[in-house]
Structure formats: C-alpha cells, structure tokens
Amino acid sequence: MLVIYISGFAAIGALSRWGIYRLFNEGNIFLATLAVNLAGSFVAGFMLHQFMRNEFILNKEVHLGLVIGFLGAFTTFSALSADSLKLIMSNQWWLAGGNVIFQTLFGIVACYLGFRLSAI
C-alpha cells in the first residue's frame, strides 16, 4: 500500500509544482521556485515534528507517502531543509552548515556540468 501512497502523492506533488509555476505565469521562475521551496520546507518541518514524536495526524504509511511522494515531487529543497534542521537540533551546527553549503555548491556544479555536457 505504501507504494500506492508514494506514487499517488508524487503525482499530486508534481502537478502542484506545475500549478505554482503556472500561477506565476512562468515569467518569474525565481519567485515560483522560492514559493515551492518555502512551502515544501514548511510542510517538511511540520511532518518531521510528527515523525520525531511518533505522532501522526494520519497513519504512518500516508505520512511517508506525503513526505516521500508529495514533497519529493514538489521540491527536493525540503529534504535539504529537514536534514539540516535535524543536524541543528542535535547541536551539529558545523555539519548543518556544511550540508547546506556543500549541497548547494555541488548542486550548482552538477547543474553546470550537465548543462555543458548537453552542449556537446
């Protein structure tokens, strides 16, 4: 059943992201991306709190379907935010900072390499 939840919520997450981009008339991708990332991070924080306390508004499979499926398709930035928050909450500030810096830096480098590779 978990596979069905993940797949279904992934479809909803992808369509939601597309809807937000359309809401911004595809003219200001930066603001649309910011909106998606902030909304996804907010939901990730909400869900992370429930998961850490083992308190679920919905059952655990639906919860995982929302986090992995919906947020995974809606934004991957939410995973970076949640992982970094877990490190901060365990007083691992340097690891949290490194996580943000390295993921951002290497993400940009990987994007650039993919861009250059496609030009060959």
Protein backbone atom coordinates (compact mmCIF):
# COMPACT_ATOMS: atom_id res chain seq x y z
CA MET A 1 0.00 0.00 0.00
CA LEU A 2 2.92 2.35 0.70
CA VAL A 3 3.93 2.26 -2.98
CA ILE A 4 0.44 3.43 -3.95
CA TYR A 5 0.57 6.31 -1.44
CA ILE A 6 4.02 7.40 -2.63
CA SER A 7 3.05 7.19 -6.30
CA GLY A 8 -0.27 8.96 -5.86
CA PHE A 9 1.15 11.77 -3.73
CA ALA A 10 4.10 12.12 -6.13
CA ALA A 11 1.66 12.79 -8.96
CA ILE A 12 -0.14 15.38 -6.83
CA GLY A 13 3.19 16.97 -5.82
CA ALA A 14 4.37 17.25 -9.42
CA LEU A 15 1.06 18.75 -10.54
CA SER A 16 1.11 21.15 -7.60
CA ARG A 17 4.58 22.35 -8.54
CA TRP A 18 3.49 22.83 -12.14
CA GLY A 19 0.41 24.72 -10.91
CA ILE A 20 2.53 27.13 -8.88
CA TYR A 21 4.78 27.76 -11.87
CA ARG A 22 1.67 28.47 -13.95
CA LEU A 23 0.36 30.74 -11.20
CA PHE A 24 3.46 32.87 -11.69
CA ASN A 25 2.73 32.78 -15.45
CA GLU A 26 6.07 31.03 -15.98
CA GLY A 27 7.53 34.53 -16.15
CA ASN A 28 9.31 34.69 -12.83
CA ILE A 29 10.79 31.24 -12.27
CA PHE A 30 12.84 32.52 -9.32
CA LEU A 31 9.74 33.51 -7.33
CA ALA A 32 7.94 30.31 -8.28
CA THR A 33 10.92 28.22 -7.15
CA LEU A 34 11.18 30.22 -3.94
CA ALA A 35 7.47 29.71 -3.25
CA VAL A 36 7.76 25.96 -3.86
CA ASN A 37 10.89 25.62 -1.73
CA LEU A 38 9.49 27.63 1.19
CA ALA A 39 6.13 25.84 1.14
CA GLY A 40 7.85 22.46 0.87
CA SER A 41 10.22 23.30 3.72
CA PHE A 42 7.31 24.38 5.91
CA VAL A 43 5.44 21.12 5.25
CA ALA A 44 8.66 19.12 5.78
CA GLY A 45 9.17 20.75 9.17
CA PHE A 46 5.57 20.02 10.16
CA MET A 47 5.86 16.39 9.09
CA LEU A 48 9.31 15.97 10.64
CA HIS A 49 7.98 17.08 14.02
CA GLN A 50 5.23 14.48 13.85
CA PHE A 51 7.66 11.77 12.74
CA MET A 52 10.18 12.53 15.50
CA ARG A 53 7.44 12.39 18.16
CA ASN A 54 5.83 9.35 16.54
CA GLU A 55 2.56 11.30 16.45
CA PHE A 56 0.77 11.15 13.14
CA ILE A 57 -2.38 13.03 12.15
CA LEU A 58 -2.75 10.33 9.52
CA ASN A 59 -1.38 6.81 9.65
CA LYS A 60 2.35 6.24 9.17
CA GLU A 61 2.05 4.97 5.58
CA VAL A 62 0.08 8.04 4.50
CA HIS A 63 2.61 10.22 6.33
CA LEU A 64 5.51 8.57 4.47
CA GLY A 65 3.60 8.84 1.20
CA LEU A 66 3.19 12.57 1.75
CA VAL A 67 6.84 13.12 2.69
CA ILE A 68 8.46 10.87 0.09
CA GLY A 69 5.89 11.19 -2.68
CA PHE A 70 4.37 14.66 -2.47
CA LEU A 71 7.39 16.55 -1.12
CA GLY A 72 9.79 14.51 -3.24
CA ALA A 73 7.98 15.56 -6.39
CA PHE A 74 7.07 19.04 -5.16
CA THR A 75 10.55 20.06 -4.01
CA THR A 76 13.81 18.41 -3.07
CA PHE A 77 14.80 21.53 -1.18
CA SER A 78 12.52 20.41 1.63
CA ALA A 79 14.74 17.35 2.18
CA LEU A 80 17.80 19.58 2.49
CA SER A 81 15.94 21.79 4.97
CA ALA A 82 14.70 18.88 7.07
CA ASP A 83 18.10 17.15 7.12
CA SER A 84 19.81 20.38 8.14
CA LEU A 85 17.22 21.04 10.86
CA LYS A 86 17.83 17.55 12.30
CA LEU A 87 21.55 18.34 12.49
CA ILE A 88 20.88 21.72 14.13
CA MET A 89 18.51 20.16 16.66
CA SER A 90 21.24 17.69 17.63
CA ASN A 91 23.69 20.61 18.06
CA GLN A 92 25.68 19.64 15.00
CA TRP A 93 25.85 23.19 13.66
CA TRP A 94 29.01 22.68 11.62
CA LEU A 95 27.55 19.65 9.88
CA ALA A 96 24.32 21.53 9.20
CA GLY A 97 26.22 24.47 7.72
CA GLY A 98 28.43 22.15 5.70
CA ASN A 99 25.38 20.27 4.48
CA VAL A 100 23.79 23.47 3.17
CA ILE A 101 27.00 24.82 1.64
CA PHE A 102 28.16 21.58 0.04
CA GLN A 103 24.76 20.53 -1.27
CA THR A 104 24.18 23.98 -2.75
CA LEU A 105 27.68 24.32 -4.18
CA PHE A 106 27.88 20.80 -5.60
CA GLY A 107 24.30 21.08 -6.86
CA ILE A 108 25.26 24.15 -8.86
CA VAL A 109 28.44 22.46 -10.10
CA ALA A 110 26.50 19.35 -11.13
CA CYS A 111 23.92 21.53 -12.89
CA TYR A 112 26.71 23.34 -14.73
CA LEU A 113 28.36 20.05 -15.75
CA GLY A 114 25.06 18.71 -17.01
CA PHE A 115 24.49 21.95 -18.92
CA ARG A 116 27.95 21.74 -20.51
CA LEU A 117 27.54 18.04 -21.31
CA SER A 118 24.29 18.71 -23.13
CA ALA A 119 26.11 21.22 -25.36
CA ILE A 120 28.49 18.56 -26.69
